[in-house]
Amino acid sequence: MHEASIALELYEIVEENIIKYKLKTVTLIRIKVGNFNGVYEDSLRFAFGVISKGTKSENAKIIIDEVEGLELLVDSIEGVDYE
């Protein structure tokens, strides 16, 4: 299940942005996934949920936009910088 390794990489990118932009919580993560990557969306969401449990991105909604090809790109990360 390569979705777990993708979820871990996604989590690391989100964590870098939490630090860079001093976010208190992440609300939305939008990624683009090429249709030739063979990524199962439910598996990716599940793996990210397990990895992010107890963190600032735990409740983030993940939107996956399917595109042509092999692309795998974090398109945007939204969050709140106040409590």
PDB file of N, CA and C in Angstrom:
ATOM      1  N   MET A   1       0.847  -1.184   0.000  1.00  0.00           N
ATOM      2  CA  MET A   1       0.000   0.000   0.000  1.00  0.00           C
ATOM      3  C   MET A   1       0.891   1.244   0.000  1.00  0.00           C
ATOM      4  N   HIS A   2       1.126   1.789  -1.183  1.00  0.00           N
ATOM      5  CA  HIS A   2       1.977   2.973  -1.256  1.00  0.00           C
ATOM      6  C   HIS A   2       1.270   4.235  -0.786  1.00  0.00           C
ATOM      7  N   GLU A   3      -0.030   4.157  -0.532  1.00  0.00           N
ATOM      8  CA  GLU A   3      -0.753   5.305   0.001  1.00  0.00           C
ATOM      9  C   GLU A   3      -0.204   5.726   1.358  1.00  0.00           C
ATOM     10  N   ALA A   4       0.287   4.780   2.155  1.00  0.00           N
ATOM     11  CA  ALA A   4       0.856   5.114   3.470  1.00  0.00           C
ATOM     12  C   ALA A   4       2.102   5.977   3.321  1.00  0.00           C
ATOM     13  N   SER A   5       2.962   5.648   2.359  1.00  0.00           N
ATOM     14  CA  SER A   5       4.168   6.459   2.162  1.00  0.00           C
ATOM     15  C   SER A   5       3.813   7.830   1.587  1.00  0.00           C
ATOM     16  N   ILE A   6       2.793   7.889   0.744  1.00  0.00           N
ATOM     17  CA  ILE A   6       2.334   9.179   0.223  1.00  0.00           C
ATOM     18  C   ILE A   6       1.749  10.009   1.360  1.00  0.00           C
ATOM     19  N   ALA A   7       0.966   9.382   2.220  1.00  0.00           N
ATOM     20  CA  ALA A   7       0.371  10.089   3.354  1.00  0.00           C
ATOM     21  C   ALA A   7       1.441  10.626   4.297  1.00  0.00           C
ATOM     22  N   LEU A   8       2.496   9.861   4.509  1.00  0.00           N
ATOM     23  CA  LEU A   8       3.580  10.321   5.377  1.00  0.00           C
ATOM     24  C   LEU A   8       4.284  11.528   4.769  1.00  0.00           C
ATOM     25  N   GLU A   9       4.546  11.475   3.482  1.00  0.00           N
ATOM     26  CA  GLU A   9       5.176  12.621   2.793  1.00  0.00           C
ATOM     27  C   GLU A   9       4.251  13.835   2.843  1.00  0.00           C
ATOM     28  N   LEU A  10       2.969  13.623   2.635  1.00  0.00           N
ATOM     29  CA  LEU A  10       1.994  14.710   2.715  1.00  0.00           C
ATOM     30  C   LEU A  10       1.990  15.323   4.116  1.00  0.00           C
ATOM     31  N   TYR A  11       2.009  14.470   5.124  1.00  0.00           N
ATOM     32  CA  TYR A  11       2.037  14.953   6.502  1.00  0.00           C
ATOM     33  C   TYR A  11       3.282  15.808   6.767  1.00  0.00           C
ATOM     34  N   GLU A  12       4.423  15.367   6.277  1.00  0.00           N
ATOM     35  CA  GLU A  12       5.659  16.122   6.478  1.00  0.00           C
ATOM     36  C   GLU A  12       5.591  17.489   5.795  1.00  0.00           C
ATOM     37  N   ILE A  13       5.004  17.552   4.618  1.00  0.00           N
ATOM     38  CA  ILE A  13       4.841  18.835   3.918  1.00  0.00           C
ATOM     39  C   ILE A  13       3.902  19.740   4.706  1.00  0.00           C
ATOM     40  N   VAL A  14       2.818  19.186   5.205  1.00  0.00           N
ATOM     41  CA  VAL A  14       1.865  19.969   6.001  1.00  0.00           C
ATOM     42  C   VAL A  14       2.537  20.488   7.268  1.00  0.00           C
ATOM     43  N   GLU A  15       3.303  19.639   7.945  1.00  0.00           N
ATOM     44  CA  GLU A  15       4.002  20.066   9.164  1.00  0.00           C
ATOM     45  C   GLU A  15       4.978  21.210   8.892  1.00  0.00           C
ATOM     46  N   GLU A  16       5.691  21.150   7.777  1.00  0.00           N
ATOM     47  CA  GLU A  16       6.601  22.243   7.403  1.00  0.00           C
ATOM     48  C   GLU A  16       5.836  23.549   7.245  1.00  0.00           C
ATOM     49  N   ASN A  17       4.661  23.483   6.659  1.00  0.00           N
ATOM     50  CA  ASN A  17       3.845  24.679   6.462  1.00  0.00           C
ATOM     51  C   ASN A  17       3.228  25.176   7.757  1.00  0.00           C
ATOM     52  N   ILE A  18       2.907  24.273   8.670  1.00  0.00           N
ATOM     53  CA  ILE A  18       2.402  24.681   9.987  1.00  0.00           C
ATOM     54  C   ILE A  18       3.452  25.537  10.684  1.00  0.00           C
ATOM     55  N   ILE A  19       4.692  25.106  10.630  1.00  0.00           N
ATOM     56  CA  ILE A  19       5.783  25.853  11.259  1.00  0.00           C
ATOM     57  C   ILE A  19       6.037  27.165  10.520  1.00  0.00           C
ATOM     58  N   LYS A  20       6.142  27.092   9.214  1.00  0.00           N
ATOM     59  CA  LYS A  20       6.466  28.272   8.398  1.00  0.00           C
ATOM     60  C   LYS A  20       5.433  29.384   8.565  1.00  0.00           C
ATOM     61  N   TYR A  21       4.151  29.012   8.591  1.00  0.00           N
ATOM     62  CA  TYR A  21       3.081  30.014   8.647  1.00  0.00           C
ATOM     63  C   TYR A  21       2.438  30.132  10.027  1.00  0.00           C
ATOM     64  N   LYS A  22       3.035  29.458  11.017  1.00  0.00           N
ATOM     65  CA  LYS A  22       2.573  29.534  12.409  1.00  0.00           C
ATOM     66  C   LYS A  22       1.071  29.231  12.528  1.00  0.00           C
ATOM     67  N   LEU A  23       0.660  28.133  11.919  1.00  0.00           N
ATOM     68  CA  LEU A  23      -0.744  27.754  11.945  1.00  0.00           C
ATOM     69  C   LEU A  23      -1.099  27.059  13.254  1.00  0.00           C
ATOM     70  N   LYS A  24      -2.271  27.348  13.756  1.00  0.00           N
ATOM     71  CA  LYS A  24      -2.776  26.679  14.956  1.00  0.00           C
ATOM     72  C   LYS A  24      -3.461  25.373  14.579  1.00  0.00           C
ATOM     73  N   THR A  25      -4.081  25.362  13.401  1.00  0.00           N
ATOM     74  CA  THR A  25      -4.746  24.160  12.924  1.00  0.00           C
ATOM     75  C   THR A  25      -4.838  24.189  11.402  1.00  0.00           C
ATOM     76  N   VAL A  26      -4.847  23.023  10.791  1.00  0.00           N
ATOM     77  CA  VAL A  26      -5.007  22.903   9.345  1.00  0.00           C
ATOM     78  C   VAL A  26      -6.430  22.439   9.087  1.00  0.00           C
ATOM     79  N   THR A  27      -7.122  23.151   8.196  1.00  0.00           N
ATOM     80  CA  THR A  27      -8.521  22.834   7.928  1.00  0.00           C
ATOM     81  C   THR A  27      -8.739  22.122   6.597  1.00  0.00           C
ATOM     82  N   LEU A  28      -7.855  22.367   5.629  1.00  0.00           N
ATOM     83  CA  LEU A  28      -8.061  21.813   4.292  1.00  0.00           C
ATOM     84  C   LEU A  28      -6.724  21.555   3.618  1.00  0.00           C
ATOM     85  N   ILE A  29      -6.637  20.409   2.969  1.00  0.00           N
ATOM     86  CA  ILE A  29      -5.461  20.063   2.170  1.00  0.00           C
ATOM     87  C   ILE A  29      -5.988  19.641   0.805  1.00  0.00           C
ATOM     88  N   ARG A  30      -5.525  20.306  -0.243  1.00  0.00           N
ATOM     89  CA  ARG A  30      -5.948  19.967  -1.601  1.00  0.00           C
ATOM     90  C   ARG A  30      -4.731  19.434  -2.352  1.00  0.00           C
ATOM     91  N   ILE A  31      -4.891  18.241  -2.914  1.00  0.00           N
ATOM     92  CA  ILE A  31      -3.799  17.657  -3.679  1.00  0.00           C
ATOM     93  C   ILE A  31      -4.291  17.263  -5.065  1.00  0.00           C
ATOM     94  N   LYS A  32      -3.343  17.227  -5.987  1.00  0.00           N
ATOM     95  CA  LYS A  32      -3.612  16.758  -7.345  1.00  0.00           C
ATOM     96  C   LYS A  32      -2.899  15.426  -7.517  1.00  0.00           C
ATOM     97  N   VAL A  33      -3.651  14.438  -7.983  1.00  0.00           N
ATOM     98  CA  VAL A  33      -3.097  13.101  -8.167  1.00  0.00           C
ATOM     99  C   VAL A  33      -3.380  12.647  -9.590  1.00  0.00           C
ATOM    100  N   GLY A  34      -2.313  12.272 -10.295  1.00  0.00           N
ATOM    101  CA  GLY A  34      -2.456  11.774 -11.650  1.00  0.00           C
ATOM    102  C   GLY A  34      -3.183  10.442 -11.685  1.00  0.00           C
ATOM    103  N   ASN A  35      -3.989  10.262 -12.711  1.00  0.00           N
ATOM    104  CA  ASN A  35      -4.796   9.048 -12.789  1.00  0.00           C
ATOM    105  C   ASN A  35      -3.977   7.793 -13.076  1.00  0.00           C
ATOM    106  N   PHE A  36      -2.706   7.925 -13.404  1.00  0.00           N
ATOM    107  CA  PHE A  36      -1.847   6.758 -13.631  1.00  0.00           C
ATOM    108  C   PHE A  36      -1.075   6.340 -12.378  1.00  0.00           C
ATOM    109  N   ASN A  37      -1.270   7.045 -11.268  1.00  0.00           N
ATOM    110  CA  ASN A  37      -0.553   6.722 -10.029  1.00  0.00           C
ATOM    111  C   ASN A  37      -1.138   5.535  -9.284  1.00  0.00           C
ATOM    112  N   GLY A  38      -2.360   5.189  -9.553  1.00  0.00           N
ATOM    113  CA  GLY A  38      -2.983   4.061  -8.862  1.00  0.00           C
ATOM    114  C   GLY A  38      -3.212   4.312  -7.385  1.00  0.00           C
ATOM    115  N   VAL A  39      -3.518   5.544  -7.022  1.00  0.00           N
ATOM    116  CA  VAL A  39      -3.746   5.899  -5.617  1.00  0.00           C
ATOM    117  C   VAL A  39      -5.220   5.700  -5.280  1.00  0.00           C
ATOM    118  N   TYR A  40      -5.475   4.952  -4.231  1.00  0.00           N
ATOM    119  CA  TYR A  40      -6.831   4.771  -3.727  1.00  0.00           C
ATOM    120  C   TYR A  40      -7.115   5.885  -2.734  1.00  0.00           C
ATOM    121  N   GLU A  41      -8.077   6.737  -3.073  1.00  0.00           N
ATOM    122  CA  GLU A  41      -8.359   7.917  -2.256  1.00  0.00           C
ATOM    123  C   GLU A  41      -8.723   7.568  -0.814  1.00  0.00           C
ATOM    124  N   ASP A  42      -9.565   6.580  -0.621  1.00  0.00           N
ATOM    125  CA  ASP A  42      -9.970   6.206   0.741  1.00  0.00           C
ATOM    126  C   ASP A  42      -8.784   5.719   1.560  1.00  0.00           C
ATOM    127  N   SER A  43      -7.902   4.966   0.928  1.00  0.00           N
ATOM    128  CA  SER A  43      -6.707   4.472   1.629  1.00  0.00           C
ATOM    129  C   SER A  43      -5.783   5.618   2.000  1.00  0.00           C
ATOM    130  N   LEU A  44      -5.641   6.582   1.114  1.00  0.00           N
ATOM    131  CA  LEU A  44      -4.794   7.738   1.390  1.00  0.00           C
ATOM    132  C   LEU A  44      -5.369   8.557   2.544  1.00  0.00           C
ATOM    133  N   ARG A  45      -6.659   8.792   2.514  1.00  0.00           N
ATOM    134  CA  ARG A  45      -7.301   9.547   3.602  1.00  0.00           C
ATOM    135  C   ARG A  45      -7.168   8.803   4.936  1.00  0.00           C
ATOM    136  N   PHE A  46      -7.369   7.495   4.901  1.00  0.00           N
ATOM    137  CA  PHE A  46      -7.248   6.698   6.127  1.00  0.00           C
ATOM    138  C   PHE A  46      -5.822   6.780   6.683  1.00  0.00           C
ATOM    139  N   ALA A  47      -4.829   6.576   5.816  1.00  0.00           N
ATOM    140  CA  ALA A  47      -3.431   6.610   6.254  1.00  0.00           C
ATOM    141  C   ALA A  47      -3.075   7.980   6.820  1.00  0.00           C
ATOM    142  N   PHE A  48      -3.525   9.056   6.173  1.00  0.00           N
ATOM    143  CA  PHE A  48      -3.238  10.397   6.680  1.00  0.00           C
ATOM    144  C   PHE A  48      -3.903  10.596   8.035  1.00  0.00           C
ATOM    145  N   GLY A  49      -5.116  10.087   8.193  1.00  0.00           N
ATOM    146  CA  GLY A  49      -5.814  10.205   9.469  1.00  0.00           C
ATOM    147  C   GLY A  49      -5.073   9.524  10.605  1.00  0.00           C
ATOM    148  N   VAL A  50      -4.504   8.356  10.323  1.00  0.00           N
ATOM    149  CA  VAL A  50      -3.733   7.630  11.337  1.00  0.00           C
ATOM    150  C   VAL A  50      -2.460   8.393  11.681  1.00  0.00           C
ATOM    151  N   ILE A  51      -1.761   8.857  10.656  1.00  0.00           N
ATOM    152  CA  ILE A  51      -0.490   9.570  10.855  1.00  0.00           C
ATOM    153  C   ILE A  51      -0.699  10.894  11.592  1.00  0.00           C
ATOM    154  N   SER A  52      -1.779  11.596  11.269  1.00  0.00           N
ATOM    155  CA  SER A  52      -1.981  12.941  11.813  1.00  0.00           C
ATOM    156  C   SER A  52      -2.767  12.963  13.128  1.00  0.00           C
ATOM    157  N   LYS A  53      -3.157  11.810  13.633  1.00  0.00           N
ATOM    158  CA  LYS A  53      -3.948  11.757  14.869  1.00  0.00           C
ATOM    159  C   LYS A  53      -3.227  12.490  16.005  1.00  0.00           C
ATOM    160  N   GLY A  54      -3.945  13.401  16.659  1.00  0.00           N
ATOM    161  CA  GLY A  54      -3.386  14.142  17.779  1.00  0.00           C
ATOM    162  C   GLY A  54      -2.528  15.331  17.377  1.00  0.00           C
ATOM    163  N   THR A  55      -2.541  15.705  16.086  1.00  0.00           N
ATOM    164  CA  THR A  55      -1.724  16.825  15.610  1.00  0.00           C
ATOM    165  C   THR A  55      -2.621  17.962  15.134  1.00  0.00           C
ATOM    166  N   LYS A  56      -2.008  19.036  14.701  1.00  0.00           N
ATOM    167  CA  LYS A  56      -2.743  20.206  14.222  1.00  0.00           C
ATOM    168  C   LYS A  56      -3.455  19.961  12.901  1.00  0.00           C
ATOM    169  N   SER A  57      -3.131  18.888  12.238  1.00  0.00           N
ATOM    170  CA  SER A  57      -3.781  18.584  10.958  1.00  0.00           C
ATOM    171  C   SER A  57      -4.748  17.405  11.067  1.00  0.00           C
ATOM    172  N   GLU A  58      -5.028  16.986  12.280  1.00  0.00           N
ATOM    173  CA  GLU A  58      -5.857  15.801  12.513  1.00  0.00           C
ATOM    174  C   GLU A  58      -7.227  15.885  11.834  1.00  0.00           C
ATOM    175  N   ASN A  59      -7.866  17.023  11.880  1.00  0.00           N
ATOM    176  CA  ASN A  59      -9.226  17.153  11.347  1.00  0.00           C
ATOM    177  C   ASN A  59      -9.282  17.812   9.975  1.00  0.00           C
ATOM    178  N   ALA A  60      -8.161  17.892   9.299  1.00  0.00           N
ATOM    179  CA  ALA A  60      -8.125  18.534   7.990  1.00  0.00           C
ATOM    180  C   ALA A  60      -8.908  17.722   6.961  1.00  0.00           C
ATOM    181  N   LYS A  61      -9.681  18.413   6.167  1.00  0.00           N
ATOM    182  CA  LYS A  61     -10.387  17.776   5.056  1.00  0.00           C
ATOM    183  C   LYS A  61      -9.394  17.654   3.901  1.00  0.00           C
ATOM    184  N   ILE A  62      -9.357  16.502   3.267  1.00  0.00           N
ATOM    185  CA  ILE A  62      -8.465  16.295   2.132  1.00  0.00           C
ATOM    186  C   ILE A  62      -9.303  16.231   0.864  1.00  0.00           C
ATOM    187  N   ILE A  63      -9.019  17.134  -0.045  1.00  0.00           N
ATOM    188  CA  ILE A  63      -9.675  17.134  -1.350  1.00  0.00           C
ATOM    189  C   ILE A  63      -8.659  16.641  -2.366  1.00  0.00           C
ATOM    190  N   ILE A  64      -9.034  15.623  -3.116  1.00  0.00           N
ATOM    191  CA  ILE A  64      -8.144  15.034  -4.108  1.00  0.00           C
ATOM    192  C   ILE A  64      -8.717  15.310  -5.486  1.00  0.00           C
ATOM    193  N   ASP A  65      -7.973  16.076  -6.274  1.00  0.00           N
ATOM    194  CA  ASP A  65      -8.361  16.363  -7.645  1.00  0.00           C
ATOM    195  C   ASP A  65      -7.587  15.432  -8.566  1.00  0.00           C
ATOM    196  N   GLU A  66      -8.305  14.641  -9.346  1.00  0.00           N
ATOM    197  CA  GLU A  66      -7.643  13.732 -10.275  1.00  0.00           C
ATOM    198  C   GLU A  66      -7.294  14.484 -11.551  1.00  0.00           C
ATOM    199  N   VAL A  67      -6.061  14.325 -11.994  1.00  0.00           N
ATOM    200  CA  VAL A  67      -5.574  14.953 -13.222  1.00  0.00           C
ATOM    201  C   VAL A  67      -4.966  13.873 -14.115  1.00  0.00           C
ATOM    202  N   GLU A  68      -4.697  14.218 -15.339  1.00  0.00           N
ATOM    203  CA  GLU A  68      -4.070  13.292 -16.269  1.00  0.00           C
ATOM    204  C   GLU A  68      -2.603  13.073 -15.910  1.00  0.00           C
ATOM    205  N   GLY A  69      -2.119  11.863 -16.095  1.00  0.00           N
ATOM    206  CA  GLY A  69      -0.699  11.591 -15.962  1.00  0.00           C
ATOM    207  C   GLY A  69      -0.266  11.027 -14.631  1.00  0.00           C
ATOM    208  N   LEU A  70       0.974  11.360 -14.268  1.00  0.00           N
ATOM    209  CA  LEU A  70       1.611  10.816 -13.063  1.00  0.00           C
ATOM    210  C   LEU A  70       1.822  11.853 -11.968  1.00  0.00           C
ATOM    211  N   GLU A  71       1.224  13.003 -12.122  1.00  0.00           N
ATOM    212  CA  GLU A  71       1.435  14.099 -11.181  1.00  0.00           C
ATOM    213  C   GLU A  71       0.984  13.721  -9.769  1.00  0.00           C
ATOM    214  N   LEU A  72       1.722  14.211  -8.797  1.00  0.00           N
ATOM    215  CA  LEU A  72       1.349  14.094  -7.386  1.00  0.00           C
ATOM    216  C   LEU A  72       1.824  15.379  -6.732  1.00  0.00           C
ATOM    217  N   LEU A  73       0.885  16.269  -6.430  1.00  0.00           N
ATOM    218  CA  LEU A  73       1.223  17.629  -6.050  1.00  0.00           C
ATOM    219  C   LEU A  73       0.331  18.124  -4.926  1.00  0.00           C
ATOM    220  N   VAL A  74       0.934  18.732  -3.908  1.00  0.00           N
ATOM    221  CA  VAL A  74       0.154  19.421  -2.885  1.00  0.00           C
ATOM    222  C   VAL A  74      -0.193  20.773  -3.479  1.00  0.00           C
ATOM    223  N   ASP A  75      -1.466  20.980  -3.753  1.00  0.00           N
ATOM    224  CA  ASP A  75      -1.920  22.194  -4.422  1.00  0.00           C
ATOM    225  C   ASP A  75      -2.102  23.345  -3.448  1.00  0.00           C
ATOM    226  N   SER A  76      -2.695  23.051  -2.279  1.00  0.00           N
ATOM    227  CA  SER A  76      -2.873  24.110  -1.282  1.00  0.00           C
ATOM    228  C   SER A  76      -3.113  23.515   0.100  1.00  0.00           C
ATOM    229  N   ILE A  77      -2.759  24.308   1.093  1.00  0.00           N
ATOM    230  CA  ILE A  77      -2.989  23.956   2.495  1.00  0.00           C
ATOM    231  C   ILE A  77      -3.635  25.173   3.135  1.00  0.00           C
ATOM    232  N   GLU A  78      -4.780  24.959   3.760  1.00  0.00           N
ATOM    233  CA  GLU A  78      -5.472  26.065   4.436  1.00  0.00           C
ATOM    234  C   GLU A  78      -5.513  25.780   5.928  1.00  0.00           C
ATOM    235  N   GLY A  79      -5.407  26.844   6.680  1.00  0.00           N
ATOM    236  CA  GLY A  79      -5.432  26.684   8.120  1.00  0.00           C
ATOM    237  C   GLY A  79      -5.804  27.963   8.827  1.00  0.00           C
ATOM    238  N   VAL A  80      -5.804  27.879  10.128  1.00  0.00           N
ATOM    239  CA  VAL A  80      -6.136  29.011  10.981  1.00  0.00           C
ATOM    240  C   VAL A  80      -4.891  29.378  11.757  1.00  0.00           C
ATOM    241  N   ASP A  81      -4.567  30.668  11.771  1.00  0.00           N
ATOM    242  CA  ASP A  81      -3.367  31.103  12.482  1.00  0.00           C
ATOM    243  C   ASP A  81      -3.680  31.773  13.811  1.00  0.00           C
ATOM    244  N   TYR A  82      -4.883  31.543  14.318  1.00  0.00           N
ATOM    245  CA  TYR A  82      -5.279  32.051  15.626  1.00  0.00           C
ATOM    246  C   TYR A  82      -6.192  31.033  16.288  1.00  0.00           C
ATOM    247  N   GLU A  83      -6.382  31.165  17.577  1.00  0.00           N
ATOM    248  CA  GLU A  83      -7.265  30.227  18.287  1.00  0.00           C
ATOM    249  C   GLU A  83      -8.560  30.883  18.652  1.00  0.00           C
TER     250      GLU A  83
END
